[in-house]
Amino acid sequence: MRELILDANVVLRFLVQDVPGQARAASKLLGRAENGEIRLIIDPLIIAETVYVLTSFYQRPREVVADALISFVQSEGIACSQATRVVDALRRFKRTSVDYADAWLAASGAESNCEIASFDRDLDRFNDIKRFDPEL
């Protein structure tokens, strides 16, 4: 089966539908993946870029962004390394005011059961992780 690695611009065109020709092409590509013709691979870094663009440039609410990307990552024909961590990070991003990078760190710490060395007290919002403060 043919595999293609997705760039954020394809995901954005699919989700936002703001450039008609590219939106149709992205939708067609996603449809082919859903039908099992191809497999689309999305890297966690591309998820982070997509979160950033949707919340900054497009000014979409974090809840809408998180829900759309969770659904996208879990779609038929989409493969994402560390999908469990990505979904956890998106859920943390959705329910708090932390940025996506901190949500990713929290999801990583929870999944690995490892403390996070950080000065950032925002991480203290997550009860399932432990932050190590280097100043102590």
N, C-alpha and C. Protein backbone atom coordinates (compact mmCIF):
# COMPACT_ATOMS: atom_id res chain seq x y z
N MET A 1 0.84 -1.18 0.00
CA MET A 1 0.00 0.00 0.00
C MET A 1 0.89 1.24 0.00
N ARG A 2 0.48 2.20 -0.75
CA ARG A 2 1.23 3.45 -0.83
C ARG A 2 1.04 4.25 0.47
N GLU A 3 2.16 4.78 0.98
CA GLU A 3 2.13 5.61 2.18
C GLU A 3 2.66 7.00 1.84
N LEU A 4 2.00 8.00 2.40
CA LEU A 4 2.41 9.38 2.19
C LEU A 4 2.50 10.08 3.54
N ILE A 5 3.55 10.86 3.72
CA ILE A 5 3.70 11.66 4.94
C ILE A 5 3.02 13.00 4.70
N LEU A 6 2.16 13.39 5.61
CA LEU A 6 1.40 14.63 5.48
C LEU A 6 2.17 15.84 5.98
N ASP A 7 2.03 16.93 5.26
CA ASP A 7 2.51 18.23 5.70
C ASP A 7 1.33 18.95 6.36
N ALA A 8 1.64 19.88 7.23
CA ALA A 8 0.59 20.63 7.93
C ALA A 8 -0.32 21.36 6.94
N ASN A 9 0.21 21.83 5.82
CA ASN A 9 -0.64 22.59 4.89
C ASN A 9 -1.77 21.75 4.32
N VAL A 10 -1.56 20.45 4.14
CA VAL A 10 -2.64 19.57 3.66
C VAL A 10 -3.70 19.41 4.75
N VAL A 11 -3.26 19.21 5.99
CA VAL A 11 -4.19 19.08 7.11
C VAL A 11 -4.98 20.37 7.28
N LEU A 12 -4.30 21.50 7.20
CA LEU A 12 -4.97 22.79 7.34
C LEU A 12 -6.00 23.02 6.24
N ARG A 13 -5.64 22.72 4.98
CA ARG A 13 -6.60 22.91 3.89
C ARG A 13 -7.83 22.03 4.11
N PHE A 14 -7.62 20.80 4.59
CA PHE A 14 -8.73 19.89 4.86
C PHE A 14 -9.63 20.43 5.98
N LEU A 15 -9.01 20.89 7.06
CA LEU A 15 -9.79 21.35 8.22
C LEU A 15 -10.44 22.71 8.01
N VAL A 16 -9.73 23.62 7.38
CA VAL A 16 -10.20 25.00 7.26
C VAL A 16 -11.03 25.23 5.99
N GLN A 17 -10.69 24.51 4.92
CA GLN A 17 -11.42 24.63 3.65
C GLN A 17 -11.39 26.07 3.11
N ASP A 18 -10.23 26.73 3.23
CA ASP A 18 -10.16 28.14 2.83
C ASP A 18 -9.55 28.39 1.45
N VAL A 19 -8.93 27.41 0.86
CA VAL A 19 -8.39 27.52 -0.49
C VAL A 19 -9.09 26.43 -1.30
N PRO A 20 -10.14 26.79 -2.04
CA PRO A 20 -11.03 25.78 -2.63
C PRO A 20 -10.36 24.63 -3.37
N GLY A 21 -9.45 24.91 -4.28
CA GLY A 21 -8.79 23.84 -5.04
C GLY A 21 -7.99 22.91 -4.13
N GLN A 22 -7.22 23.49 -3.23
CA GLN A 22 -6.42 22.68 -2.31
C GLN A 22 -7.30 21.95 -1.31
N ALA A 23 -8.39 22.57 -0.90
CA ALA A 23 -9.32 21.92 0.04
C ALA A 23 -9.94 20.69 -0.61
N ARG A 24 -10.34 20.80 -1.89
CA ARG A 24 -10.89 19.64 -2.60
C ARG A 24 -9.86 18.53 -2.72
N ALA A 25 -8.62 18.91 -3.07
CA ALA A 25 -7.54 17.92 -3.22
C ALA A 25 -7.24 17.24 -1.88
N ALA A 26 -7.20 18.02 -0.81
CA ALA A 26 -6.94 17.44 0.52
C ALA A 26 -8.08 16.51 0.93
N SER A 27 -9.31 16.92 0.68
CA SER A 27 -10.47 16.09 1.02
C SER A 27 -10.45 14.79 0.23
N LYS A 28 -10.10 14.88 -1.04
CA LYS A 28 -10.01 13.68 -1.88
C LYS A 28 -8.92 12.74 -1.35
N LEU A 29 -7.79 13.30 -0.99
CA LEU A 29 -6.69 12.50 -0.45
C LEU A 29 -7.12 11.79 0.84
N LEU A 30 -7.78 12.52 1.72
CA LEU A 30 -8.26 11.92 2.98
C LEU A 30 -9.31 10.86 2.71
N GLY A 31 -10.15 11.08 1.71
CA GLY A 31 -11.14 10.08 1.33
C GLY A 31 -10.49 8.80 0.85
N ARG A 32 -9.42 8.92 0.08
CA ARG A 32 -8.69 7.74 -0.38
C ARG A 32 -8.10 6.96 0.80
N ALA A 33 -7.62 7.69 1.80
CA ALA A 33 -7.09 7.02 2.99
C ALA A 33 -8.20 6.32 3.75
N GLU A 34 -9.33 6.99 3.89
CA GLU A 34 -10.47 6.39 4.60
C GLU A 34 -10.97 5.13 3.90
N ASN A 35 -10.89 5.11 2.56
CA ASN A 35 -11.32 3.94 1.78
C ASN A 35 -10.27 2.84 1.73
N GLY A 36 -9.10 3.06 2.34
CA GLY A 36 -8.07 2.03 2.38
C GLY A 36 -7.19 1.97 1.15
N GLU A 37 -7.27 2.97 0.28
CA GLU A 37 -6.44 2.98 -0.93
C GLU A 37 -5.00 3.36 -0.62
N ILE A 38 -4.82 4.27 0.34
CA ILE A 38 -3.50 4.75 0.74
C ILE A 38 -3.47 4.89 2.25
N ARG A 39 -2.29 5.06 2.77
CA ARG A 39 -2.12 5.31 4.21
C ARG A 39 -1.40 6.65 4.36
N LEU A 40 -1.97 7.52 5.18
CA LEU A 40 -1.37 8.83 5.42
C LEU A 40 -0.72 8.85 6.79
N ILE A 41 0.50 9.32 6.83
CA ILE A 41 1.27 9.35 8.07
C ILE A 41 1.41 10.80 8.50
N ILE A 42 1.09 11.05 9.77
CA ILE A 42 1.27 12.40 10.31
C ILE A 42 2.19 12.33 11.50
N ASP A 43 3.20 13.15 11.49
CA ASP A 43 4.19 13.20 12.55
C ASP A 43 3.67 14.09 13.68
N PRO A 44 3.99 13.76 14.94
CA PRO A 44 3.57 14.61 16.05
C PRO A 44 4.02 16.07 15.93
N LEU A 45 5.15 16.31 15.31
CA LEU A 45 5.60 17.69 15.10
C LEU A 45 4.65 18.46 14.19
N ILE A 46 4.09 17.78 13.20
CA ILE A 46 3.14 18.40 12.28
C ILE A 46 1.83 18.70 13.02
N ILE A 47 1.46 17.86 13.97
CA ILE A 47 0.29 18.15 14.81
C ILE A 47 0.55 19.46 15.57
N ALA A 48 1.74 19.59 16.14
CA ALA A 48 2.08 20.81 16.90
C ALA A 48 2.02 22.03 15.99
N GLU A 49 2.55 21.93 14.79
CA GLU A 49 2.51 23.06 13.86
C GLU A 49 1.06 23.40 13.52
N THR A 50 0.24 22.41 13.31
CA THR A 50 -1.16 22.62 12.98
C THR A 50 -1.91 23.30 14.12
N VAL A 51 -1.64 22.86 15.35
CA VAL A 51 -2.24 23.50 16.52
C VAL A 51 -1.86 24.97 16.54
N TYR A 52 -0.59 25.25 16.35
CA TYR A 52 -0.11 26.63 16.38
C TYR A 52 -0.79 27.50 15.32
N VAL A 53 -0.84 27.02 14.10
CA VAL A 53 -1.43 27.81 13.01
C VAL A 53 -2.92 28.03 13.23
N LEU A 54 -3.63 26.97 13.64
CA LEU A 54 -5.07 27.10 13.84
C LEU A 54 -5.42 28.06 14.98
N THR A 55 -4.62 28.04 16.05
CA THR A 55 -4.94 28.91 17.19
C THR A 55 -4.40 30.33 17.02
N SER A 56 -3.33 30.50 16.27
CA SER A 56 -2.76 31.84 16.12
C SER A 56 -3.29 32.52 14.86
N PHE A 57 -2.94 32.03 13.72
CA PHE A 57 -3.32 32.67 12.46
C PHE A 57 -4.84 32.64 12.24
N TYR A 58 -5.45 31.46 12.43
CA TYR A 58 -6.89 31.33 12.20
C TYR A 58 -7.73 31.68 13.44
N GLN A 59 -7.08 31.84 14.57
CA GLN A 59 -7.73 32.22 15.83
C GLN A 59 -8.91 31.31 16.18
N ARG A 60 -8.71 30.02 15.98
CA ARG A 60 -9.73 29.04 16.32
C ARG A 60 -9.62 28.72 17.81
N PRO A 61 -10.74 28.52 18.49
CA PRO A 61 -10.70 28.18 19.91
C PRO A 61 -9.98 26.85 20.14
N ARG A 62 -9.26 26.78 21.23
CA ARG A 62 -8.46 25.58 21.53
C ARG A 62 -9.33 24.33 21.59
N GLU A 63 -10.56 24.45 22.08
CA GLU A 63 -11.44 23.29 22.17
C GLU A 63 -11.77 22.75 20.78
N VAL A 64 -12.05 23.65 19.86
CA VAL A 64 -12.38 23.27 18.48
C VAL A 64 -11.16 22.62 17.82
N VAL A 65 -10.00 23.22 18.02
CA VAL A 65 -8.75 22.70 17.45
C VAL A 65 -8.46 21.30 17.99
N ALA A 66 -8.53 21.15 19.29
CA ALA A 66 -8.25 19.85 19.91
C ALA A 66 -9.21 18.79 19.41
N ASP A 67 -10.49 19.08 19.40
CA ASP A 67 -11.48 18.10 18.95
C ASP A 67 -11.26 17.71 17.50
N ALA A 68 -10.99 18.69 16.64
CA ALA A 68 -10.77 18.40 15.22
C ALA A 68 -9.53 17.53 15.01
N LEU A 69 -8.46 17.83 15.74
CA LEU A 69 -7.22 17.06 15.55
C LEU A 69 -7.29 15.68 16.19
N ILE A 70 -8.01 15.55 17.29
CA ILE A 70 -8.21 14.21 17.86
C ILE A 70 -8.96 13.35 16.87
N SER A 71 -10.03 13.89 16.32
CA SER A 71 -10.80 13.16 15.32
C SER A 71 -9.94 12.82 14.10
N PHE A 72 -9.13 13.77 13.67
CA PHE A 72 -8.26 13.56 12.51
C PHE A 72 -7.26 12.43 12.77
N VAL A 73 -6.58 12.49 13.91
CA VAL A 73 -5.56 11.49 14.24
C VAL A 73 -6.17 10.09 14.35
N GLN A 74 -7.41 10.02 14.79
CA GLN A 74 -8.07 8.73 14.98
C GLN A 74 -8.84 8.26 13.75
N SER A 75 -8.73 9.00 12.65
CA SER A 75 -9.45 8.65 11.42
C SER A 75 -8.87 7.40 10.78
N GLU A 76 -9.73 6.71 10.08
CA GLU A 76 -9.32 5.54 9.30
C GLU A 76 -8.33 5.98 8.23
N GLY A 77 -7.24 5.24 8.10
CA GLY A 77 -6.25 5.55 7.08
C GLY A 77 -5.17 6.52 7.50
N ILE A 78 -5.27 7.04 8.75
CA ILE A 78 -4.27 7.96 9.27
C ILE A 78 -3.41 7.20 10.29
N ALA A 79 -2.11 7.32 10.14
CA ALA A 79 -1.18 6.71 11.09
C ALA A 79 -0.37 7.84 11.74
N CYS A 80 -0.24 7.76 13.04
CA CYS A 80 0.51 8.76 13.79
C CYS A 80 1.36 8.05 14.83
N SER A 81 2.66 8.25 14.74
CA SER A 81 3.51 7.68 15.79
C SER A 81 3.17 8.40 17.09
N GLN A 82 3.17 7.68 18.14
CA GLN A 82 2.84 8.22 19.46
C GLN A 82 1.42 8.78 19.51
N ALA A 83 0.50 8.14 18.82
CA ALA A 83 -0.89 8.62 18.74
C ALA A 83 -1.53 8.75 20.11
N THR A 84 -1.25 7.82 21.00
CA THR A 84 -1.82 7.89 22.35
C THR A 84 -1.35 9.15 23.05
N ARG A 85 -0.07 9.47 22.93
CA ARG A 85 0.49 10.67 23.55
C ARG A 85 -0.05 11.93 22.89
N VAL A 86 -0.20 11.91 21.58
CA VAL A 86 -0.75 13.06 20.85
C VAL A 86 -2.16 13.35 21.32
N VAL A 87 -3.00 12.32 21.41
CA VAL A 87 -4.38 12.51 21.84
C VAL A 87 -4.42 13.00 23.28
N ASP A 88 -3.59 12.44 24.14
CA ASP A 88 -3.53 12.90 25.53
C ASP A 88 -3.12 14.37 25.59
N ALA A 89 -2.11 14.75 24.82
CA ALA A 89 -1.65 16.15 24.80
C ALA A 89 -2.76 17.07 24.30
N LEU A 90 -3.47 16.65 23.26
CA LEU A 90 -4.57 17.48 22.74
C LEU A 90 -5.69 17.63 23.77
N ARG A 91 -5.97 16.58 24.50
CA ARG A 91 -7.00 16.67 25.55
C ARG A 91 -6.55 17.60 26.68
N ARG A 92 -5.29 17.54 27.05
CA ARG A 92 -4.75 18.44 28.08
C ARG A 92 -4.79 19.89 27.59
N PHE A 93 -4.43 20.09 26.34
CA PHE A 93 -4.47 21.41 25.72
C PHE A 93 -5.90 21.95 25.73
N LYS A 94 -6.85 21.09 25.45
CA LYS A 94 -8.26 21.49 25.38
C LYS A 94 -8.80 21.94 26.74
N ARG A 95 -8.44 21.24 27.79
CA ARG A 95 -9.07 21.50 29.09
C ARG A 95 -8.31 22.46 30.00
N THR A 96 -7.17 22.96 29.54
CA THR A 96 -6.40 23.90 30.35
C THR A 96 -6.01 25.10 29.48
N SER A 97 -5.29 26.02 30.08
CA SER A 97 -4.81 27.17 29.30
C SER A 97 -3.33 27.04 28.96
N VAL A 98 -2.73 25.87 29.19
CA VAL A 98 -1.31 25.70 28.87
C VAL A 98 -1.14 25.61 27.36
N ASP A 99 0.05 25.96 26.89
CA ASP A 99 0.29 25.84 25.46
C ASP A 99 0.49 24.38 25.09
N TYR A 100 0.48 24.11 23.79
CA TYR A 100 0.53 22.72 23.35
C TYR A 100 1.85 22.04 23.75
N ALA A 101 2.94 22.76 23.73
CA ALA A 101 4.23 22.16 24.10
C ALA A 101 4.20 21.68 25.55
N ASP A 102 3.61 22.47 26.45
CA ASP A 102 3.50 22.03 27.85
C ASP A 102 2.53 20.87 27.99
N ALA A 103 1.46 20.88 27.20
CA ALA A 103 0.53 19.75 27.22
C ALA A 103 1.23 18.48 26.74
N TRP A 104 2.10 18.63 25.73
CA TRP A 104 2.89 17.49 25.23
C TRP A 104 3.84 16.98 26.31
N LEU A 105 4.53 17.91 26.99
CA LEU A 105 5.42 17.50 28.08
C LEU A 105 4.66 16.74 29.16
N ALA A 106 3.49 17.25 29.54
CA ALA A 106 2.69 16.60 30.57
C ALA A 106 2.26 15.20 30.12
N ALA A 107 1.82 15.08 28.89
CA ALA A 107 1.43 13.77 28.36
C ALA A 107 2.63 12.83 28.34
N SER A 108 3.80 13.35 27.99
CA SER A 108 5.02 12.53 27.98
C SER A 108 5.39 12.07 29.37
N GLY A 109 5.32 12.98 30.35
CA GLY A 109 5.63 12.61 31.72
C GLY A 109 4.65 11.59 32.28
N ALA A 110 3.38 11.76 31.97
CA ALA A 110 2.38 10.81 32.45
C ALA A 110 2.57 9.44 31.81
N GLU A 111 2.83 9.41 30.52
CA GLU A 111 2.99 8.14 29.82
C GLU A 111 4.23 7.38 30.29
N SER A 112 5.31 8.11 30.53
CA SER A 112 6.57 7.48 30.90
C SER A 112 6.75 7.36 32.42
N ASN A 113 5.84 7.97 33.17
CA ASN A 113 5.94 8.00 34.63
C ASN A 113 7.29 8.59 35.05
N CYS A 114 7.64 9.68 34.40
CA CYS A 114 8.93 10.33 34.64
C CYS A 114 8.68 11.79 35.02
N GLU A 115 9.46 12.28 35.99
CA GLU A 115 9.34 13.67 36.39
C GLU A 115 9.80 14.59 35.24
N ILE A 116 9.27 15.81 35.25
CA ILE A 116 9.62 16.79 34.24
C ILE A 116 10.42 17.90 34.92
N ALA A 117 11.65 18.08 34.48
CA ALA A 117 12.49 19.16 35.01
C ALA A 117 12.09 20.45 34.31
N SER A 118 11.50 21.37 35.07
CA SER A 118 11.02 22.61 34.47
C SER A 118 10.84 23.68 35.53
N PHE A 119 11.07 24.90 35.13
CA PHE A 119 10.76 26.04 36.00
C PHE A 119 9.29 26.45 35.83
N ASP A 120 8.63 25.93 34.83
CA ASP A 120 7.27 26.32 34.46
C ASP A 120 6.23 25.72 35.40
N ARG A 121 5.65 26.57 36.22
CA ARG A 121 4.65 26.13 37.20
C ARG A 121 3.31 25.77 36.55
N ASP A 122 3.12 26.10 35.28
CA ASP A 122 1.91 25.69 34.59
C ASP A 122 1.74 24.17 34.60
N LEU A 123 2.85 23.48 34.63
CA LEU A 123 2.80 22.02 34.65
C LEU A 123 2.19 21.48 35.94
N ASP A 124 2.18 22.30 36.99
CA ASP A 124 1.60 21.87 38.26
C ASP A 124 0.08 21.72 38.17
N ARG A 125 -0.51 22.16 37.09
CA ARG A 125 -1.97 22.02 36.90
C ARG A 125 -2.37 20.57 36.66
N PHE A 126 -1.41 19.73 36.31
CA PHE A 126 -1.71 18.33 36.00
C PHE A 126 -1.38 17.46 37.21
N ASN A 127 -2.41 16.84 37.75
CA ASN A 127 -2.24 16.02 38.96
C ASN A 127 -1.55 14.70 38.71
N ASP A 128 -1.46 14.27 37.48
CA ASP A 128 -0.89 12.95 37.19
C ASP A 128 0.59 13.00 36.82
N ILE A 129 1.20 14.16 36.96
CA ILE A 129 2.64 14.26 36.70
C ILE A 129 3.32 14.97 37.86
N LYS A 130 4.62 14.85 37.90
CA LYS A 130 5.39 15.54 38.92
C LYS A 130 6.44 16.40 38.23
N ARG A 131 6.49 17.66 38.65
CA ARG A 131 7.48 18.59 38.10
C ARG A 131 8.64 18.68 39.08
N PHE A 132 9.84 18.57 38.56
CA PHE A 132 11.05 18.78 39.34
C PHE A 132 11.52 20.20 39.09
N ASP A 133 11.58 20.99 40.15
CA ASP A 133 12.02 22.39 40.03
C ASP A 133 13.54 22.43 40.22
N PRO A 134 14.30 22.76 39.18
CA PRO A 134 15.76 22.78 39.27
C PRO A 134 16.31 23.73 40.32
N GLU A 135 15.50 24.70 40.77
CA GLU A 135 15.96 25.66 41.78
C GLU A 135 15.94 25.06 43.19
N LEU A 136 15.27 23.97 43.36
CA LEU A 136 15.16 23.40 44.72
C LEU A 136 16.30 22.47 45.04
